[in-house]
């Protein structure tokens, strides 16, 4: 069962790699924007 789930997850990652990558980058960007203190010059 674990092996089957692993194979399915691996195939899912391969097919939706760019979607996951974009989602990951979006989250990182949001964290970066929220984390940055806004100080207008």
PDB file of N, CA and C in Angstrom:
ATOM      1  N   UNK A   1       0.836  -1.204   0.000  1.00  0.00           N
ATOM      2  CA  UNK A   1       0.000   0.000   0.000  1.00  0.00           C
ATOM      3  C   UNK A   1       0.875   1.260   0.000  1.00  0.00           C
ATOM      4  N   UNK A   2       1.900   1.227   0.836  1.00  0.00           N
ATOM      5  CA  UNK A   2       2.800   2.378   0.935  1.00  0.00           C
ATOM      6  C   UNK A   2       3.555   2.596  -0.369  1.00  0.00           C
ATOM      7  N   UNK A   3       3.970   1.477  -0.974  1.00  0.00           N
ATOM      8  CA  UNK A   3       4.726   1.548  -2.227  1.00  0.00           C
ATOM      9  C   UNK A   3       3.850   2.102  -3.353  1.00  0.00           C
ATOM     10  N   UNK A   4       2.608   1.656  -3.391  1.00  0.00           N
ATOM     11  CA  UNK A   4       1.659   2.118  -4.404  1.00  0.00           C
ATOM     12  C   UNK A   4       1.415   3.621  -4.261  1.00  0.00           C
ATOM     13  N   UNK A   5       1.241   4.047  -3.015  1.00  0.00           N
ATOM     14  CA  UNK A   5       1.004   5.455  -2.728  1.00  0.00           C
ATOM     15  C   UNK A   5       2.206   6.294  -3.129  1.00  0.00           C
ATOM     16  N   UNK A   6       3.402   5.755  -2.874  1.00  0.00           N
ATOM     17  CA  UNK A   6       4.648   6.450  -3.218  1.00  0.00           C
ATOM     18  C   UNK A   6       4.777   6.616  -4.722  1.00  0.00           C
ATOM     19  N   UNK A   7       4.468   5.536  -5.459  1.00  0.00           N
ATOM     20  CA  UNK A   7       4.543   5.583  -6.927  1.00  0.00           C
ATOM     21  C   UNK A   7       3.555   6.595  -7.491  1.00  0.00           C
ATOM     22  N   UNK A   8       2.359   6.599  -6.928  1.00  0.00           N
ATOM     23  CA  UNK A   8       1.325   7.522  -7.387  1.00  0.00           C
ATOM     24  C   UNK A   8       1.724   8.969  -7.107  1.00  0.00           C
ATOM     25  N   UNK A   9       2.296   9.192  -5.936  1.00  0.00           N
ATOM     26  CA  UNK A   9       2.749  10.529  -5.559  1.00  0.00           C
ATOM     27  C   UNK A   9       3.871  10.995  -6.471  1.00  0.00           C
ATOM     28  N   UNK A  10       4.779  10.081  -6.786  1.00  0.00           N
ATOM     29  CA  UNK A  10       5.901  10.399  -7.662  1.00  0.00           C
ATOM     30  C   UNK A  10       5.410  10.784  -9.053  1.00  0.00           C
ATOM     31  N   UNK A  11       4.430  10.005  -9.569  1.00  0.00           N
ATOM     32  CA  UNK A  11       3.873  10.296 -10.890  1.00  0.00           C
ATOM     33  C   UNK A  11       3.124  11.639 -10.864  1.00  0.00           C
ATOM     34  N   UNK A  12       2.429  11.896  -9.774  1.00  0.00           N
ATOM     35  CA  UNK A  12       1.695  13.145  -9.611  1.00  0.00           C
ATOM     36  C   UNK A  12       2.652  14.329  -9.599  1.00  0.00           C
ATOM     37  N   UNK A  13       3.783  14.160  -8.915  1.00  0.00           N
ATOM     38  CA  UNK A  13       4.796  15.215  -8.857  1.00  0.00           C
ATOM     39  C   UNK A  13       5.375  15.486 -10.233  1.00  0.00           C
ATOM     40  N   UNK A  14       5.587  14.420 -11.000  1.00  0.00           N
ATOM     41  CA  UNK A  14       6.147  14.577 -12.346  1.00  0.00           C
ATOM     42  C   UNK A  14       5.184  15.311 -13.267  1.00  0.00           C
ATOM     43  N   UNK A  15       3.901  14.983 -13.179  1.00  0.00           N
ATOM     44  CA  UNK A  15       2.923  15.602 -14.073  1.00  0.00           C
ATOM     45  C   UNK A  15       2.590  17.030 -13.658  1.00  0.00           C
ATOM     46  N   UNK A  16       2.547  17.270 -12.356  1.00  0.00           N
ATOM     47  CA  UNK A  16       2.148  18.594 -11.874  1.00  0.00           C
ATOM     48  C   UNK A  16       3.309  19.368 -11.266  1.00  0.00           C
ATOM     49  N   UNK A  17       4.517  19.108 -11.776  1.00  0.00           N
ATOM     50  CA  UNK A  17       5.713  19.728 -11.196  1.00  0.00           C
ATOM     51  C   UNK A  17       5.668  21.250 -11.254  1.00  0.00           C
ATOM     52  N   UNK A  18       5.294  21.779 -12.418  1.00  0.00           N
ATOM     53  CA  UNK A  18       5.293  23.231 -12.584  1.00  0.00           C
ATOM     54  C   UNK A  18       4.205  23.892 -11.748  1.00  0.00           C
ATOM     55  N   UNK A  19       3.076  23.187 -11.587  1.00  0.00           N
ATOM     56  CA  UNK A  19       1.995  23.718 -10.765  1.00  0.00           C
ATOM     57  C   UNK A  19       2.442  23.830  -9.307  1.00  0.00           C
ATOM     58  N   UNK A  20       3.082  22.757  -8.825  1.00  0.00           N
ATOM     59  CA  UNK A  20       3.576  22.769  -7.450  1.00  0.00           C
ATOM     60  C   UNK A  20       4.674  23.807  -7.264  1.00  0.00           C
ATOM     61  N   UNK A  21       5.534  23.927  -8.279  1.00  0.00           N
ATOM     62  CA  UNK A  21       6.638  24.880  -8.227  1.00  0.00           C
ATOM     63  C   UNK A  21       6.099  26.311  -8.164  1.00  0.00           C
ATOM     64  N   UNK A  22       5.097  26.608  -8.979  1.00  0.00           N
ATOM     65  CA  UNK A  22       4.496  27.939  -8.998  1.00  0.00           C
ATOM     66  C   UNK A  22       3.826  28.247  -7.658  1.00  0.00           C
ATOM     67  N   UNK A  23       3.135  27.252  -7.108  1.00  0.00           N
ATOM     68  CA  UNK A  23       2.469  27.411  -5.820  1.00  0.00           C
ATOM     69  C   UNK A  23       3.491  27.686  -4.722  1.00  0.00           C
ATOM     70  N   UNK A  24       4.590  26.922  -4.764  1.00  0.00           N
ATOM     71  CA  UNK A  24       5.672  27.071  -3.791  1.00  0.00           C
ATOM     72  C   UNK A  24       6.297  28.466  -3.875  1.00  0.00           C
ATOM     73  N   UNK A  25       6.551  28.911  -5.101  1.00  0.00           N
ATOM     74  CA  UNK A  25       7.145  30.238  -5.305  1.00  0.00           C
ATOM     75  C   UNK A  25       6.203  31.349  -4.840  1.00  0.00           C
ATOM     76  N   UNK A  26       4.907  31.144  -5.076  1.00  0.00           N
ATOM     77  CA  UNK A  26       3.905  32.117  -4.654  1.00  0.00           C
ATOM     78  C   UNK A  26       3.884  32.246  -3.136  1.00  0.00           C
ATOM     79  N   UNK A  27       3.954  31.104  -2.444  1.00  0.00           N
ATOM     80  CA  UNK A  27       3.975  31.094  -0.981  1.00  0.00           C
ATOM     81  C   UNK A  27       5.228  31.793  -0.455  1.00  0.00           C
ATOM     82  N   UNK A  28       6.377  31.481  -1.074  1.00  0.00           N
ATOM     83  CA  UNK A  28       7.642  32.109  -0.676  1.00  0.00           C
ATOM     84  C   UNK A  28       7.571  33.624  -0.876  1.00  0.00           C
ATOM     85  N   UNK A  29       7.010  34.031  -2.005  1.00  0.00           N
ATOM     86  CA  UNK A  29       6.878  35.449  -2.319  1.00  0.00           C
ATOM     87  C   UNK A  29       5.977  36.152  -1.306  1.00  0.00           C
ATOM     88  N   UNK A  30       4.863  35.515  -0.950  1.00  0.00           N
ATOM     89  CA  UNK A  30       3.941  36.080   0.038  1.00  0.00           C
ATOM     90  C   UNK A  30       4.626  36.236   1.387  1.00  0.00           C
ATOM     91  N   UNK A  31       5.365  35.217   1.793  1.00  0.00           N
ATOM     92  CA  UNK A  31       6.096  35.270   3.063  1.00  0.00           C
ATOM     93  C   UNK A  31       7.117  36.402   3.029  1.00  0.00           C
ATOM     94  N   UNK A  32       7.795  36.533   1.905  1.00  0.00           N
ATOM     95  CA  UNK A  32       8.813  37.570   1.752  1.00  0.00           C
ATOM     96  C   UNK A  32       8.191  38.966   1.819  1.00  0.00           C
ATOM     97  N   UNK A  33       7.065  39.153   1.118  1.00  0.00           N
ATOM     98  CA  UNK A  33       6.385  40.450   1.085  1.00  0.00           C
ATOM     99  C   UNK A  33       5.834  40.810   2.469  1.00  0.00           C
ATOM    100  N   UNK A  34       5.217  39.844   3.133  1.00  0.00           N
ATOM    101  CA  UNK A  34       4.659  40.080   4.461  1.00  0.00           C
ATOM    102  C   UNK A  34       5.779  40.301   5.481  1.00  0.00           C
ATOM    103  N   UNK A  35       6.867  39.571   5.331  1.00  0.00           N
ATOM    104  CA  UNK A  35       7.988  39.672   6.254  1.00  0.00           C
ATOM    105  C   UNK A  35       8.770  40.956   6.121  1.00  0.00           C
ATOM    106  N   UNK A  36       8.778  41.529   4.930  1.00  0.00           N
ATOM    107  CA  UNK A  36       9.521  42.770   4.701  1.00  0.00           C
ATOM    108  C   UNK A  36       8.812  43.950   5.357  1.00  0.00           C
ATOM    109  N   UNK A  37       9.524  44.713   6.159  1.00  0.00           N
ATOM    110  CA  UNK A  37       8.909  45.916   6.742  1.00  0.00           C
ATOM    111  C   UNK A  37       8.762  47.000   5.672  1.00  0.00           C
ATOM    112  N   UNK A  38       7.584  47.568   5.599  1.00  0.00           N
ATOM    113  CA  UNK A  38       7.335  48.602   4.590  1.00  0.00           C
ATOM    114  C   UNK A  38       7.753  49.957   5.142  1.00  0.00           C
ATOM    115  N   UNK A  39       8.824  50.494   4.605  1.00  0.00           N
ATOM    116  CA  UNK A  39       9.270  51.818   5.025  1.00  0.00           C
ATOM    117  C   UNK A  39       9.482  52.705   3.799  1.00  0.00           C
ATOM    118  N   UNK A  40       8.514  53.585   3.531  1.00  0.00           N
ATOM    119  CA  UNK A  40       8.667  54.493   2.388  1.00  0.00           C
ATOM    120  C   UNK A  40       9.801  55.480   2.632  1.00  0.00           C
ATOM    121  N   UNK A  41      10.587  55.682   1.620  1.00  0.00           N
ATOM    122  CA  UNK A  41      11.749  56.588   1.740  1.00  0.00           C
ATOM    123  C   UNK A  41      11.288  58.033   1.877  1.00  0.00           C
TER     124      UNK A  41
END
